[in-house]
PDB file of N, CA and C in Angstrom:
ATOM      1  N   MET A   1     353.818 117.188 149.754  1.00  0.00           N
ATOM      2  CA  MET A   1     353.353 116.568 148.538  1.00  0.00           C
ATOM      3  C   MET A   1     351.834 116.776 148.430  1.00  0.00           C
ATOM      4  N   ASN A   2     351.340 116.964 147.189  1.00  0.00           N
ATOM      5  CA  ASN A   2     349.929 117.227 146.948  1.00  0.00           C
ATOM      6  C   ASN A   2     349.197 115.902 146.697  1.00  0.00           C
ATOM      7  N   TYR A   3     348.445 115.454 147.697  1.00  0.00           N
ATOM      8  CA  TYR A   3     347.719 114.182 147.585  1.00  0.00           C
ATOM      9  C   TYR A   3     346.313 114.368 147.041  1.00  0.00           C
ATOM     10  N   LYS A   4     345.871 115.609 146.846  1.00  0.00           N
ATOM     11  CA  LYS A   4     344.529 115.860 146.308  1.00  0.00           C
ATOM     12  C   LYS A   4     344.389 115.300 144.890  1.00  0.00           C
ATOM     13  N   ALA A   5     345.462 115.216 144.182  1.00  0.00           N
ATOM     14  CA  ALA A   5     345.426 114.688 142.816  1.00  0.00           C
ATOM     15  C   ALA A   5     344.989 113.228 142.797  1.00  0.00           C
ATOM     16  N   PHE A   6     345.176 112.514 143.909  1.00  0.00           N
ATOM     17  CA  PHE A   6     344.833 111.088 143.969  1.00  0.00           C
ATOM     18  C   PHE A   6     343.438 110.826 144.534  1.00  0.00           C
ATOM     19  N   GLU A   7     342.733 111.875 144.945  1.00  0.00           N
ATOM     20  CA  GLU A   7     341.413 111.698 145.546  1.00  0.00           C
ATOM     21  C   GLU A   7     340.407 111.088 144.573  1.00  0.00           C
ATOM     22  N   ASN A   8     340.528 111.393 143.308  1.00  0.00           N
ATOM     23  CA  ASN A   8     339.563 110.913 142.320  1.00  0.00           C
ATOM     24  C   ASN A   8     339.853 109.502 141.818  1.00  0.00           C
ATOM     25  N   LEU A   9     340.966 108.936 142.195  1.00  0.00           N
ATOM     26  CA  LEU A   9     341.302 107.579 141.751  1.00  0.00           C
ATOM     27  C   LEU A   9     340.281 106.557 142.226  1.00  0.00           C
ATOM     28  N   GLU A  10     339.688 106.787 143.369  1.00  0.00           N
ATOM     29  CA  GLU A  10     338.700 105.836 143.894  1.00  0.00           C
ATOM     30  C   GLU A  10     337.421 105.812 143.051  1.00  0.00           C
ATOM     31  N   LEU A  11     337.228 106.813 142.199  1.00  0.00           N
ATOM     32  CA  LEU A  11     336.049 106.857 141.330  1.00  0.00           C
ATOM     33  C   LEU A  11     336.216 106.003 140.074  1.00  0.00           C
ATOM     34  N   ILE A  12     337.412 105.611 139.755  1.00  0.00           N
ATOM     35  CA  ILE A  12     337.673 104.868 138.519  1.00  0.00           C
ATOM     36  C   ILE A  12     336.871 103.573 138.421  1.00  0.00           C
ATOM     37  N   PRO A  13     336.799 102.730 139.448  1.00  0.00           N
ATOM     38  CA  PRO A  13     335.994 101.507 139.317  1.00  0.00           C
ATOM     39  C   PRO A  13     334.507 101.796 139.045  1.00  0.00           C
ATOM     40  N   GLN A  14     333.968 102.822 139.665  1.00  0.00           N
ATOM     41  CA  GLN A  14     332.566 103.188 139.430  1.00  0.00           C
ATOM     42  C   GLN A  14     332.376 103.662 137.990  1.00  0.00           C
ATOM     43  N   LEU A  15     333.304 104.450 137.497  1.00  0.00           N
ATOM     44  CA  LEU A  15     333.211 104.933 136.120  1.00  0.00           C
ATOM     45  C   LEU A  15     333.310 103.784 135.122  1.00  0.00           C
ATOM     46  N   LEU A  16     334.198 102.848 135.364  1.00  0.00           N
ATOM     47  CA  LEU A  16     334.335 101.687 134.478  1.00  0.00           C
ATOM     48  C   LEU A  16     333.062 100.851 134.457  1.00  0.00           C
ATOM     49  N   GLU A  17     332.432 100.696 135.614  1.00  0.00           N
ATOM     50  CA  GLU A  17     331.182  99.941 135.688  1.00  0.00           C
ATOM     51  C   GLU A  17     330.079 100.650 134.907  1.00  0.00           C
ATOM     52  N   LYS A  18     330.005 101.974 135.028  1.00  0.00           N
ATOM     53  CA  LYS A  18     328.988 102.735 134.294  1.00  0.00           C
ATOM     54  C   LYS A  18     329.239 102.669 132.791  1.00  0.00           C
ATOM     55  N   ILE A  19     330.494 102.729 132.382  1.00  0.00           N
ATOM     56  CA  ILE A  19     330.826 102.616 130.960  1.00  0.00           C
ATOM     57  C   ILE A  19     330.418 101.247 130.431  1.00  0.00           C
ATOM     58  N   SER A  20     330.660 100.220 131.193  1.00  0.00           N
ATOM     59  CA  SER A  20     330.289  98.864 130.793  1.00  0.00           C
ATOM     60  C   SER A  20     328.778  98.743 130.627  1.00  0.00           C
ATOM     61  N   ILE A  21     328.025  99.316 131.556  1.00  0.00           N
ATOM     62  CA  ILE A  21     326.554  99.289 131.469  1.00  0.00           C
ATOM     63  C   ILE A  21     326.085 100.043 130.231  1.00  0.00           C
ATOM     64  N   LEU A  22     326.687 101.190 129.960  1.00  0.00           N
ATOM     65  CA  LEU A  22     326.308 101.974 128.780  1.00  0.00           C
ATOM     66  C   LEU A  22     326.628 101.226 127.488  1.00  0.00           C
ATOM     67  N   GLU A  23     327.737 100.510 127.439  1.00  0.00           N
ATOM     68  CA  GLU A  23     328.077  99.720 126.255  1.00  0.00           C
ATOM     69  C   GLU A  23     327.046  98.632 126.013  1.00  0.00           C
ATOM     70  N   ILE A  24     326.581  97.986 127.067  1.00  0.00           N
ATOM     71  CA  ILE A  24     325.565  96.945 126.944  1.00  0.00           C
ATOM     72  C   ILE A  24     324.260  97.545 126.438  1.00  0.00           C
ATOM     73  N   LYS A  25     323.886  98.697 126.987  1.00  0.00           N
ATOM     74  CA  LYS A  25     322.650  99.364 126.550  1.00  0.00           C
ATOM     75  C   LYS A  25     322.745  99.802 125.097  1.00  0.00           C
ATOM     76  N   LEU A  26     323.890 100.323 124.696  1.00  0.00           N
ATOM     77  CA  LEU A  26     324.079 100.742 123.314  1.00  0.00           C
ATOM     78  C   LEU A  26     323.987  99.557 122.365  1.00  0.00           C
ATOM     79  N   GLN A  27     324.598  98.453 122.725  1.00  0.00           N
ATOM     80  CA  GLN A  27     324.523  97.256 121.893  1.00  0.00           C
ATOM     81  C   GLN A  27     323.075  96.793 121.763  1.00  0.00           C
ATOM     82  N   HIS A  28     322.335  96.843 122.843  1.00  0.00           N
ATOM     83  CA  HIS A  28     320.920  96.452 122.819  1.00  0.00           C
ATOM     84  C   HIS A  28     320.136  97.372 121.877  1.00  0.00           C
ATOM     85  N   LEU A  29     320.387  98.663 121.958  1.00  0.00           N
ATOM     86  CA  LEU A  29     319.704  99.611 121.073  1.00  0.00           C
ATOM     87  C   LEU A  29     320.042  99.343 119.615  1.00  0.00           C
ATOM     88  N   GLU A  30     321.310  99.113 119.336  1.00  0.00           N
ATOM     89  CA  GLU A  30     321.722  98.845 117.962  1.00  0.00           C
ATOM     90  C   GLU A  30     321.061  97.585 117.416  1.00  0.00           C
ATOM     91  N   GLU A  31     320.951  96.573 118.242  1.00  0.00           N
ATOM     92  CA  GLU A  31     320.365  95.307 117.796  1.00  0.00           C
ATOM     93  C   GLU A  31     318.868  95.416 117.588  1.00  0.00           C
ATOM     94  N   ASN A  32     318.199  96.262 118.354  1.00  0.00           N
ATOM     95  CA  ASN A  32     316.742  96.282 118.324  1.00  0.00           C
ATOM     96  C   ASN A  32     316.111  97.493 117.652  1.00  0.00           C
ATOM     97  N   LEU A  33     316.837  98.571 117.516  1.00  0.00           N
ATOM     98  CA  LEU A  33     316.223  99.780 116.980  1.00  0.00           C
ATOM     99  C   LEU A  33     316.754 100.197 115.624  1.00  0.00           C
ATOM    100  N   ILE A  34     318.003  99.929 115.372  1.00  0.00           N
ATOM    101  CA  ILE A  34     318.602 100.369 114.121  1.00  0.00           C
ATOM    102  C   ILE A  34     318.370  99.296 113.066  1.00  0.00           C
ATOM    103  N   ILE A  35     317.655  99.681 112.032  1.00  0.00           N
ATOM    104  CA  ILE A  35     317.357  98.743 110.948  1.00  0.00           C
ATOM    105  C   ILE A  35     318.532  98.751 109.977  1.00  0.00           C
ATOM    106  N   PRO A  36     319.163  97.610 109.781  1.00  0.00           N
ATOM    107  CA  PRO A  36     320.319  97.579 108.878  1.00  0.00           C
ATOM    108  C   PRO A  36     319.895  97.813 107.429  1.00  0.00           C
ATOM    109  N   LEU A  37     320.784  98.407 106.669  1.00  0.00           N
ATOM    110  CA  LEU A  37     320.521  98.642 105.248  1.00  0.00           C
ATOM    111  C   LEU A  37     320.559  97.328 104.482  1.00  0.00           C
ATOM    112  N   ASP A  38     319.692  97.229 103.498  1.00  0.00           N
ATOM    113  CA  ASP A  38     319.720  96.104 102.568  1.00  0.00           C
ATOM    114  C   ASP A  38     320.772  96.430 101.517  1.00  0.00           C
ATOM    115  N   LEU A  39     321.935  95.833 101.654  1.00  0.00           N
ATOM    116  CA  LEU A  39     323.052  96.176 100.777  1.00  0.00           C
ATOM    117  C   LEU A  39     323.042  95.406  99.465  1.00  0.00           C
ATOM    118  N   THR A  40     321.893  94.932  99.058  1.00  0.00           N
ATOM    119  CA  THR A  40     321.807  94.271  97.759  1.00  0.00           C
ATOM    120  C   THR A  40     321.333  95.238  96.680  1.00  0.00           C
ATOM    121  N   ASN A  41     320.866  96.420  97.081  1.00  0.00           N
ATOM    122  CA  ASN A  41     320.388  97.352  96.064  1.00  0.00           C
ATOM    123  C   ASN A  41     321.280  98.586  95.969  1.00  0.00           C
ATOM    124  N   ARG A  42     321.213  99.199  94.846  1.00  0.00           N
ATOM    125  CA  ARG A  42     322.067 100.320  94.464  1.00  0.00           C
ATOM    126  C   ARG A  42     321.970 101.497  95.438  1.00  0.00           C
ATOM    127  N   LYS A  43     320.761 101.887  95.777  1.00  0.00           N
ATOM    128  CA  LYS A  43     320.537 103.052  96.641  1.00  0.00           C
ATOM    129  C   LYS A  43     321.216 102.872  97.997  1.00  0.00           C
ATOM    130  N   ASN A  44     321.032 101.723  98.612  1.00  0.00           N
ATOM    131  CA  ASN A  44     321.605 101.485  99.930  1.00  0.00           C
ATOM    132  C   ASN A  44     323.121 101.305  99.888  1.00  0.00           C
ATOM    133  N   VAL A  45     323.633 100.758  98.803  1.00  0.00           N
ATOM    134  CA  VAL A  45     325.085 100.623  98.650  1.00  0.00           C
ATOM    135  C   VAL A  45     325.711 102.016  98.587  1.00  0.00           C
ATOM    136  N   LYS A  46     325.083 102.922  97.832  1.00  0.00           N
ATOM    137  CA  LYS A  46     325.590 104.297  97.744  1.00  0.00           C
ATOM    138  C   LYS A  46     325.562 104.966  99.117  1.00  0.00           C
ATOM    139  N   THR A  47     324.488 104.772  99.860  1.00  0.00           N
ATOM    140  CA  THR A  47     324.375 105.353 101.199  1.00  0.00           C
ATOM    141  C   THR A  47     325.442 104.770 102.120  1.00  0.00           C
ATOM    142  N   PHE A  48     325.589 103.448 102.111  1.00  0.00           N
ATOM    143  CA  PHE A  48     326.539 102.766 102.982  1.00  0.00           C
ATOM    144  C   PHE A  48     327.974 103.201 102.706  1.00  0.00           C
ATOM    145  N   LEU A  49     328.324 103.318 101.428  1.00  0.00           N
ATOM    146  CA  LEU A  49     329.685 103.705 101.049  1.00  0.00           C
ATOM    147  C   LEU A  49     329.869 105.218 100.999  1.00  0.00           C
ATOM    148  N   ASN A  50     328.750 105.944 101.139  1.00  0.00           N
ATOM    149  CA  ASN A  50     328.765 107.415 101.099  1.00  0.00           C
ATOM    150  C   ASN A  50     329.374 107.914  99.785  1.00  0.00           C
ATOM    151  N   ILE A  51     328.804 107.412  98.677  1.00  0.00           N
ATOM    152  CA  ILE A  51     329.285 107.782  97.350  1.00  0.00           C
ATOM    153  C   ILE A  51     328.102 108.189  96.479  1.00  0.00           C
ATOM    154  N   SER A  52     328.405 108.826  95.368  1.00  0.00           N
ATOM    155  CA  SER A  52     327.368 109.256  94.424  1.00  0.00           C
ATOM    156  C   SER A  52     327.108 108.159  93.390  1.00  0.00           C
ATOM    157  N   GLU A  53     326.081 108.388  92.596  1.00  0.00           N
ATOM    158  CA  GLU A  53     325.743 107.457  91.516  1.00  0.00           C
ATOM    159  C   GLU A  53     326.900 107.347  90.525  1.00  0.00           C
ATOM    160  N   SER A  54     327.490 108.482  90.174  1.00  0.00           N
ATOM    161  CA  SER A  54     328.592 108.455  89.208  1.00  0.00           C
ATOM    162  C   SER A  54     329.813 107.725  89.767  1.00  0.00           C
ATOM    163  N   THR A  55     330.072 107.889  91.056  1.00  0.00           N
ATOM    164  CA  THR A  55     331.203 107.169  91.661  1.00  0.00           C
ATOM    165  C   THR A  55     330.941 105.672  91.652  1.00  0.00           C
ATOM    166  N   LEU A  56     329.716 105.275  91.957  1.00  0.00           N
ATOM    167  CA  LEU A  56     329.360 103.850  91.922  1.00  0.00           C
ATOM    168  C   LEU A  56     329.560 103.299  90.511  1.00  0.00           C
ATOM    169  N   ASN A  57     329.081 104.029  89.513  1.00  0.00           N
ATOM    170  CA  ASN A  57     329.260 103.595  88.124  1.00  0.00           C
ATOM    171  C   ASN A  57     330.738 103.483  87.768  1.00  0.00           C
ATOM    172  N   ASN A  58     331.532 104.466  88.182  1.00  0.00           N
ATOM    173  CA  ASN A  58     332.977 104.437  87.903  1.00  0.00           C
ATOM    174  C   ASN A  58     333.647 103.255  88.593  1.00  0.00           C
ATOM    175  N   MET A  59     333.239 102.960  89.811  1.00  0.00           N
ATOM    176  CA  MET A  59     333.821 101.837  90.548  1.00  0.00           C
ATOM    177  C   MET A  59     333.524 100.514  89.842  1.00  0.00           C
ATOM    178  N   MET A  60     332.344 100.423  89.238  1.00  0.00           N
ATOM    179  CA  MET A  60     331.996  99.206  88.512  1.00  0.00           C
ATOM    180  C   MET A  60     332.768  99.134  87.192  1.00  0.00           C
ATOM    181  N   LYS A  61     332.979 100.274  86.554  1.00  0.00           N
ATOM    182  CA  LYS A  61     333.694 100.296  85.276  1.00  0.00           C
ATOM    183  C   LYS A  61     335.183 100.032  85.442  1.00  0.00           C
ATOM    184  N   ASP A  62     335.780 100.642  86.488  1.00  0.00           N
ATOM    185  CA  ASP A  62     337.242 100.531  86.616  1.00  0.00           C
ATOM    186  C   ASP A  62     337.698  99.312  87.423  1.00  0.00           C
ATOM    187  N   GLY A  63     336.745  98.512  87.893  1.00  0.00           N
ATOM    188  CA  GLY A  63     337.109  97.254  88.533  1.00  0.00           C
ATOM    189  C   GLY A  63     337.246  97.292  90.043  1.00  0.00           C
ATOM    190  N   ARG A  64     337.010  98.441  90.659  1.00  0.00           N
ATOM    191  CA  ARG A  64     337.030  98.466  92.121  1.00  0.00           C
ATOM    192  C   ARG A  64     335.877  97.636  92.675  1.00  0.00           C
ATOM    193  N   LEU A  65     334.772  97.618  91.947  1.00  0.00           N
ATOM    194  CA  LEU A  65     333.671  96.689  92.234  1.00  0.00           C
ATOM    195  C   LEU A  65     333.680  95.667  91.109  1.00  0.00           C
ATOM    196  N   LYS A  66     333.867  94.409  91.465  1.00  0.00           N
ATOM    197  CA  LYS A  66     334.025  93.365  90.462  1.00  0.00           C
ATOM    198  C   LYS A  66     332.748  92.538  90.323  1.00  0.00           C
ATOM    199  N   ARG A  67     332.395  92.296  89.072  1.00  0.00           N
ATOM    200  CA  ARG A  67     331.246  91.439  88.777  1.00  0.00           C
ATOM    201  C   ARG A  67     331.559  90.026  89.257  1.00  0.00           C
ATOM    202  N   GLY A  68     330.632  89.416  89.946  1.00  0.00           N
ATOM    203  CA  GLY A  68     330.838  88.082  90.489  1.00  0.00           C
ATOM    204  C   GLY A  68     331.439  88.100  91.882  1.00  0.00           C
ATOM    205  N   VAL A  69     332.005  89.225  92.262  1.00  0.00           N
ATOM    206  CA  VAL A  69     332.579  89.370  93.608  1.00  0.00           C
ATOM    207  C   VAL A  69     331.724  90.325  94.429  1.00  0.00           C
ATOM    208  N   HIS A  70     331.517  91.522  93.883  1.00  0.00           N
ATOM    209  CA  HIS A  70     330.758  92.557  94.594  1.00  0.00           C
ATOM    210  C   HIS A  70     329.311  92.662  94.114  1.00  0.00           C
ATOM    211  N   TYR A  71     329.038  92.171  92.923  1.00  0.00           N
ATOM    212  CA  TYR A  71     327.676  92.237  92.394  1.00  0.00           C
ATOM    213  C   TYR A  71     327.472  91.176  91.319  1.00  0.00           C
ATOM    214  N   THR A  72     326.200  90.909  91.067  1.00  0.00           N
ATOM    215  CA  THR A  72     325.840  90.038  89.948  1.00  0.00           C
ATOM    216  C   THR A  72     324.987  90.854  88.988  1.00  0.00           C
ATOM    217  N   LYS A  73     325.029  90.468  87.741  1.00  0.00           N
ATOM    218  CA  LYS A  73     324.313  91.212  86.708  1.00  0.00           C
ATOM    219  C   LYS A  73     323.552  90.215  85.850  1.00  0.00           C
ATOM    220  N   THR A  74     322.245  90.427  85.736  1.00  0.00           N
ATOM    221  CA  THR A  74     321.427  89.561  84.879  1.00  0.00           C
ATOM    222  C   THR A  74     320.673  90.421  83.876  1.00  0.00           C
ATOM    223  N   ILE A  75     320.498  89.872  82.693  1.00  0.00           N
ATOM    224  CA  ILE A  75     319.750  90.565  81.646  1.00  0.00           C
ATOM    225  C   ILE A  75     318.523  89.731  81.332  1.00  0.00           C
ATOM    226  N   LYS A  76     317.366  90.379  81.444  1.00  0.00           N
ATOM    227  CA  LYS A  76     316.109  89.682  81.212  1.00  0.00           C
ATOM    228  C   LYS A  76     315.171  90.633  80.473  1.00  0.00           C
ATOM    229  N   SER A  77     314.735  90.226  79.332  1.00  0.00           N
ATOM    230  CA  SER A  77     313.829  91.037  78.514  1.00  0.00           C
ATOM    231  C   SER A  77     314.360  92.454  78.301  1.00  0.00           C
ATOM    232  N   ASN A  78     315.583  92.549  77.847  1.00  0.00           N
ATOM    233  CA  ASN A  78     316.237  93.836  77.590  1.00  0.00           C
ATOM    234  C   ASN A  78     316.376  94.723  78.812  1.00  0.00           C
ATOM    235  N   ARG A  79     316.247  94.156  80.000  1.00  0.00           N
ATOM    236  CA  ARG A  79     316.436  94.903  81.247  1.00  0.00           C
ATOM    237  C   ARG A  79     317.608  94.297  82.003  1.00  0.00           C
ATOM    238  N   THR A  80     318.451  95.166  82.510  1.00  0.00           N
ATOM    239  CA  THR A  80     319.606  94.724  83.282  1.00  0.00           C
ATOM    240  C   THR A  80     319.298  94.884  84.760  1.00  0.00           C
ATOM    241  N   LYS A  81     319.548  93.826  85.514  1.00  0.00           N
ATOM    242  CA  LYS A  81     319.344  93.890  86.950  1.00  0.00           C
ATOM    243  C   LYS A  81     320.672  93.615  87.641  1.00  0.00           C
ATOM    244  N   ILE A  82     321.034  94.544  88.517  1.00  0.00           N
ATOM    245  CA  ILE A  82     322.272  94.402  89.278  1.00  0.00           C
ATOM    246  C   ILE A  82     321.898  94.163  90.737  1.00  0.00           C
ATOM    247  N   VAL A  83     322.444  93.096  91.300  1.00  0.00           N
ATOM    248  CA  VAL A  83     322.243  92.768  92.715  1.00  0.00           C
ATOM    249  C   VAL A  83     323.613  92.737  93.367  1.00  0.00           C
ATOM    250  N   PHE A  84     323.771  93.552  94.388  1.00  0.00           N
ATOM    251  CA  PHE A  84     325.048  93.626  95.091  1.00  0.00           C
ATOM    252  C   PHE A  84     325.149  92.514  96.127  1.00  0.00           C
ATOM    253  N   ILE A  85     326.361  92.080  96.399  1.00  0.00           N
ATOM    254  CA  ILE A  85     326.621  91.017  97.368  1.00  0.00           C
ATOM    255  C   ILE A  85     327.015  91.681  98.681  1.00  0.00           C
ATOM    256  N   GLU A  86     326.102  91.569  99.650  1.00  0.00           N
ATOM    257  CA  GLU A  86     326.214  92.315 100.899  1.00  0.00           C
ATOM    258  C   GLU A  86     327.543  92.127 101.613  1.00  0.00           C
ATOM    259  N   SER A  87     327.985  90.892 101.756  1.00  0.00           N
ATOM    260  CA  SER A  87     329.228  90.628 102.488  1.00  0.00           C
ATOM    261  C   SER A  87     330.431  91.287 101.815  1.00  0.00           C
ATOM    262  N   ALA A  88     330.448  91.295 100.488  1.00  0.00           N
ATOM    263  CA  ALA A  88     331.564  91.902  99.753  1.00  0.00           C
ATOM    264  C   ALA A  88     331.534  93.422  99.884  1.00  0.00           C
ATOM    265  N   ILE A  89     330.346  94.007  99.917  1.00  0.00           N
ATOM    266  CA  ILE A  89     330.218  95.464 100.075  1.00  0.00           C
ATOM    267  C   ILE A  89     330.700  95.856 101.467  1.00  0.00           C
ATOM    268  N   LYS A  90     330.353  95.076 102.475  1.00  0.00           N
ATOM    269  CA  LYS A  90     330.814  95.361 103.836  1.00  0.00           C
ATOM    270  C   LYS A  90     332.331  95.260 103.939  1.00  0.00           C
ATOM    271  N   GLU A  91     332.916  94.265 103.282  1.00  0.00           N
ATOM    272  CA  GLU A  91     334.375  94.100 103.291  1.00  0.00           C
ATOM    273  C   GLU A  91     335.056  95.276 102.598  1.00  0.00           C
ATOM    274  N   LEU A  92     334.424  95.801 101.583  1.00  0.00           N
ATOM    275  CA  LEU A  92     334.983  96.918 100.827  1.00  0.00           C
ATOM    276  C   LEU A  92     335.141  98.148 101.718  1.00  0.00           C
ATOM    277  N   LYS A  93     334.224  98.341 102.631  1.00  0.00           N
ATOM    278  CA  LYS A  93     334.263  99.523 103.497  1.00  0.00           C
ATOM    279  C   LYS A  93     335.332  99.421 104.584  1.00  0.00           C
ATOM    280  N   LYS A  94     335.743  98.216 104.915  1.00  0.00           N
ATOM    281  CA  LYS A  94     336.732  98.042 106.005  1.00  0.00           C
ATOM    282  C   LYS A  94     338.075  98.616 105.658  1.00  0.00           C
TER     283      LYS A  94
END
């Protein structure tokens, strides 16, 4: 019987420990170095969802993005301001 195939099994605990350490380091990097997008504005929503301006407009028109759920719209001095709701945008991507 070929027992050489089992020689590397003893390395598994060491590999698992190294993977665990790397996961902790990655989480630390994500928390401290990666600046999260502000998902309340149009530009960052497009980046986050990886869509174009026309797709964003279509999503708002056809109801995939709902007013009051995914964004709010205010009109002030003939100017329209759209503010996206971050939590709803994140849920949309899931």
